[in-house]
Amino acid sequence: MNNKILLIDDDESLLFGYKVEMELEGFVVHTATSIQEAEECLQESKYIAVITDLNLSGKDTQEGLLIISFAKKHQPLSTIMLITGTSDDEIEQRALETGAHIYLEKPVEAKKIAGLIRQRSIDDREGKTPH
């Protein structure tokens, strides 16, 4: 089973913390801090999940939505999550319309993220989730 995930966030300390925690949960973790790095990773490897922050290069830049769209095109079988510090119903709706399967607000524990990835993977195998 593929257990690789891609984590994308411009906050390197947060990214490192999630990487360590997700590795403890049994995942192989690749990281990116920019849209360019994320796109390179998405073209080079297959991931069970792609998890991105909303804003990568400043406040209200919303590159995460572009990453979601790119991931949906290049990794259609991956679980795509947007994790953000922004509580906004409009952003949540746009993320889901763009291709995200899950929208979470920070702070969120790695165990919760891992559980959602595992559950979606089980649901996919059982044919319970649409792509």
C-alpha atoms as a PDB file:
ATOM      1  CA  MET A   1       0.000   0.000   0.000  1.00  0.00           C
ATOM      2  CA  ASN A   2       1.184   3.501  -0.831  1.00  0.00           C
ATOM      3  CA  ASN A   3       1.729   5.386   2.422  1.00  0.00           C
ATOM      4  CA  LYS A   4       3.378   8.528   1.028  1.00  0.00           C
ATOM      5  CA  ILE A   5       1.870  11.904   1.823  1.00  0.00           C
ATOM      6  CA  LEU A   6       2.775  15.400   0.695  1.00  0.00           C
ATOM      7  CA  LEU A   7       2.598  18.195   3.275  1.00  0.00           C
ATOM      8  CA  ILE A   8       2.672  21.791   2.006  1.00  0.00           C
ATOM      9  CA  ASP A   9       3.068  24.797   4.313  1.00  0.00           C
ATOM     10  CA  ASP A  10       5.285  27.883   4.337  1.00  0.00           C
ATOM     11  CA  ASP A  11       5.726  27.658   8.123  1.00  0.00           C
ATOM     12  CA  GLU A  12       8.779  25.393   8.264  1.00  0.00           C
ATOM     13  CA  SER A  13       8.561  24.744  12.011  1.00  0.00           C
ATOM     14  CA  LEU A  14       4.925  23.659  11.701  1.00  0.00           C
ATOM     15  CA  LEU A  15       5.804  21.577   8.654  1.00  0.00           C
ATOM     16  CA  PHE A  16       8.625  19.868  10.550  1.00  0.00           C
ATOM     17  CA  GLY A  17       6.321  19.114  13.495  1.00  0.00           C
ATOM     18  CA  TYR A  18       3.662  17.579  11.249  1.00  0.00           C
ATOM     19  CA  LYS A  19       6.343  15.616   9.358  1.00  0.00           C
ATOM     20  CA  VAL A  20       7.682  14.052  12.566  1.00  0.00           C
ATOM     21  CA  GLU A  21       4.201  13.261  13.881  1.00  0.00           C
ATOM     22  CA  MET A  22       2.980  11.784  10.599  1.00  0.00           C
ATOM     23  CA  GLU A  23       6.109   9.632  10.328  1.00  0.00           C
ATOM     24  CA  LEU A  24       5.328   8.306  13.800  1.00  0.00           C
ATOM     25  CA  GLU A  25       1.874   7.459  12.439  1.00  0.00           C
ATOM     26  CA  GLY A  26       3.565   5.287   9.792  1.00  0.00           C
ATOM     27  CA  PHE A  27       3.554   7.570   6.763  1.00  0.00           C
ATOM     28  CA  VAL A  28       6.431   8.429   4.435  1.00  0.00           C
ATOM     29  CA  VAL A  29       6.341  12.224   4.345  1.00  0.00           C
ATOM     30  CA  HIS A  30       7.478  14.572   1.605  1.00  0.00           C
ATOM     31  CA  THR A  31       7.295  18.312   2.250  1.00  0.00           C
ATOM     32  CA  ALA A  32       7.081  21.497   0.197  1.00  0.00           C
ATOM     33  CA  THR A  33       7.072  25.146   1.226  1.00  0.00           C
ATOM     34  CA  SER A  34       5.933  26.714  -2.058  1.00  0.00           C
ATOM     35  CA  ILE A  35       3.565  26.063  -4.927  1.00  0.00           C
ATOM     36  CA  GLN A  36       6.532  25.374  -7.211  1.00  0.00           C
ATOM     37  CA  GLU A  37       7.957  22.708  -4.875  1.00  0.00           C
ATOM     38  CA  ALA A  38       4.508  21.172  -4.452  1.00  0.00           C
ATOM     39  CA  GLU A  39       3.950  20.925  -8.209  1.00  0.00           C
ATOM     40  CA  GLU A  40       7.370  19.272  -8.673  1.00  0.00           C
ATOM     41  CA  CYS A  41       6.569  16.706  -5.983  1.00  0.00           C
ATOM     42  CA  LEU A  42       3.140  16.010  -7.469  1.00  0.00           C
ATOM     43  CA  GLN A  43       4.705  15.341 -10.866  1.00  0.00           C
ATOM     44  CA  GLU A  44       7.460  13.091  -9.485  1.00  0.00           C
ATOM     45  CA  SER A  45       5.675  10.863  -6.938  1.00  0.00           C
ATOM     46  CA  LYS A  46       2.305   9.311  -6.169  1.00  0.00           C
ATOM     47  CA  TYR A  47       0.710  10.160  -2.822  1.00  0.00           C
ATOM     48  CA  ILE A  48      -2.073   8.666  -0.766  1.00  0.00           C
ATOM     49  CA  ALA A  49      -2.765  12.197   0.494  1.00  0.00           C
ATOM     50  CA  VAL A  50      -1.911  15.799  -0.350  1.00  0.00           C
ATOM     51  CA  ILE A  51      -2.288  18.210   2.570  1.00  0.00           C
ATOM     52  CA  THR A  52      -1.863  21.925   1.966  1.00  0.00           C
ATOM     53  CA  ASP A  53      -2.130  25.196   3.817  1.00  0.00           C
ATOM     54  CA  LEU A  54      -4.234  27.928   2.204  1.00  0.00           C
ATOM     55  CA  ASN A  55      -1.732  30.802   2.207  1.00  0.00           C
ATOM     56  CA  LEU A  56       1.880  30.045   1.344  1.00  0.00           C
ATOM     57  CA  SER A  57       3.565  33.330   0.497  1.00  0.00           C
ATOM     58  CA  GLY A  58       1.739  35.804   2.673  1.00  0.00           C
ATOM     59  CA  LYS A  59      -1.650  36.735   4.000  1.00  0.00           C
ATOM     60  CA  ASP A  60      -4.630  36.038   1.729  1.00  0.00           C
ATOM     61  CA  THR A  61      -2.619  34.632  -1.184  1.00  0.00           C
ATOM     62  CA  GLN A  62      -4.667  31.415  -1.339  1.00  0.00           C
ATOM     63  CA  GLU A  63      -2.105  29.358  -3.297  1.00  0.00           C
ATOM     64  CA  GLY A  64      -3.513  26.307  -1.546  1.00  0.00           C
ATOM     65  CA  LEU A  65      -6.501  26.452  -3.899  1.00  0.00           C
ATOM     66  CA  LEU A  66      -4.149  26.281  -6.901  1.00  0.00           C
ATOM     67  CA  ILE A  67      -2.367  23.320  -5.329  1.00  0.00           C
ATOM     68  CA  ILE A  68      -5.700  21.566  -4.781  1.00  0.00           C
ATOM     69  CA  SER A  69      -6.592  22.016  -8.449  1.00  0.00           C
ATOM     70  CA  PHE A  70      -3.156  20.798  -9.594  1.00  0.00           C
ATOM     71  CA  ALA A  71      -3.281  17.817  -7.225  1.00  0.00           C
ATOM     72  CA  LYS A  72      -6.783  16.857  -8.376  1.00  0.00           C
ATOM     73  CA  LYS A  73      -5.543  16.812 -11.982  1.00  0.00           C
ATOM     74  CA  HIS A  74      -2.259  14.984 -11.360  1.00  0.00           C
ATOM     75  CA  GLN A  75      -3.217  12.783  -8.379  1.00  0.00           C
ATOM     76  CA  PRO A  76      -6.926  12.022  -8.852  1.00  0.00           C
ATOM     77  CA  LEU A  77      -6.861   9.096  -6.412  1.00  0.00           C
ATOM     78  CA  SER A  78      -5.210  11.044  -3.567  1.00  0.00           C
ATOM     79  CA  THR A  79      -7.084  12.359  -0.568  1.00  0.00           C
ATOM     80  CA  ILE A  80      -6.733  16.130  -0.768  1.00  0.00           C
ATOM     81  CA  MET A  81      -6.965  18.232   2.394  1.00  0.00           C
ATOM     82  CA  LEU A  82      -6.860  21.955   3.035  1.00  0.00           C
ATOM     83  CA  ILE A  83      -5.703  22.880   6.517  1.00  0.00           C
ATOM     84  CA  THR A  84      -5.880  26.556   7.357  1.00  0.00           C
ATOM     85  CA  GLY A  85      -5.952  29.041  10.170  1.00  0.00           C
ATOM     86  CA  THR A  86      -8.720  30.847   8.283  1.00  0.00           C
ATOM     87  CA  SER A  87     -12.261  30.141   9.429  1.00  0.00           C
ATOM     88  CA  ASP A  88     -14.247  31.085   6.340  1.00  0.00           C
ATOM     89  CA  ASP A  89     -17.281  29.306   4.877  1.00  0.00           C
ATOM     90  CA  GLU A  90     -16.623  30.785   1.421  1.00  0.00           C
ATOM     91  CA  ILE A  91     -13.031  29.473   1.383  1.00  0.00           C
ATOM     92  CA  GLU A  92     -14.231  26.075   2.570  1.00  0.00           C
ATOM     93  CA  GLN A  93     -16.798  25.949  -0.240  1.00  0.00           C
ATOM     94  CA  ARG A  94     -14.217  27.023  -2.845  1.00  0.00           C
ATOM     95  CA  ALA A  95     -11.753  24.406  -1.585  1.00  0.00           C
ATOM     96  CA  LEU A  96     -14.343  21.635  -1.832  1.00  0.00           C
ATOM     97  CA  GLU A  97     -15.480  22.807  -5.283  1.00  0.00           C
ATOM     98  CA  THR A  98     -11.845  22.942  -6.445  1.00  0.00           C
ATOM     99  CA  GLY A  99     -11.269  19.321  -5.434  1.00  0.00           C
ATOM    100  CA  ALA A 100     -10.446  19.130  -1.738  1.00  0.00           C
ATOM    101  CA  HIS A 101     -12.075  16.234   0.073  1.00  0.00           C
ATOM    102  CA  ILE A 102     -11.474  17.598   3.569  1.00  0.00           C
ATOM    103  CA  TYR A 103     -11.260  21.111   5.042  1.00  0.00           C
ATOM    104  CA  LEU A 104      -9.768  21.506   8.522  1.00  0.00           C
ATOM    105  CA  GLU A 105      -9.025  24.532  10.664  1.00  0.00           C
ATOM    106  CA  LYS A 106      -5.730  24.858  12.542  1.00  0.00           C
ATOM    107  CA  PRO A 107      -4.761  23.732  15.018  1.00  0.00           C
ATOM    108  CA  VAL A 108      -5.368  20.112  14.113  1.00  0.00           C
ATOM    109  CA  GLU A 109      -3.521  17.135  15.540  1.00  0.00           C
ATOM    110  CA  ALA A 110      -1.558  14.806  13.301  1.00  0.00           C
ATOM    111  CA  LYS A 111      -3.485  11.827  14.743  1.00  0.00           C
ATOM    112  CA  LYS A 112      -6.721  13.311  13.395  1.00  0.00           C
ATOM    113  CA  ILE A 113      -5.174  13.861   9.957  1.00  0.00           C
ATOM    114  CA  ALA A 114      -3.803  10.299   9.953  1.00  0.00           C
ATOM    115  CA  GLY A 115      -7.189   8.921  10.955  1.00  0.00           C
ATOM    116  CA  LEU A 116      -8.956  10.800   8.162  1.00  0.00           C
ATOM    117  CA  ILE A 117      -6.436   9.560   5.583  1.00  0.00           C
ATOM    118  CA  ARG A 118      -6.819   5.965   6.778  1.00  0.00           C
ATOM    119  CA  GLN A 119     -10.622   6.153   6.831  1.00  0.00           C
ATOM    120  CA  ARG A 120     -10.780   7.607   3.343  1.00  0.00           C
ATOM    121  CA  SER A 121      -8.376   4.907   2.116  1.00  0.00           C
ATOM    122  CA  ILE A 122     -10.632   2.200   3.582  1.00  0.00           C
ATOM    123  CA  ASP A 123     -13.706   3.858   2.074  1.00  0.00           C
ATOM    124  CA  ASP A 124     -11.953   4.038  -1.325  1.00  0.00           C
ATOM    125  CA  ARG A 125     -11.160   0.317  -1.245  1.00  0.00           C
ATOM    126  CA  GLU A 126     -14.778  -0.430  -0.375  1.00  0.00           C
ATOM    127  CA  GLY A 127     -16.071   1.902  -3.109  1.00  0.00           C
ATOM    128  CA  LYS A 128     -17.705   4.302  -0.657  1.00  0.00           C
ATOM    129  CA  THR A 129     -16.050   7.564  -1.787  1.00  0.00           C
ATOM    130  CA  PRO A 130     -16.527   9.383  -5.074  1.00  0.00           C
ATOM    131  CA  HIS A 131     -13.411  10.765  -6.786  1.00  0.00           C
END
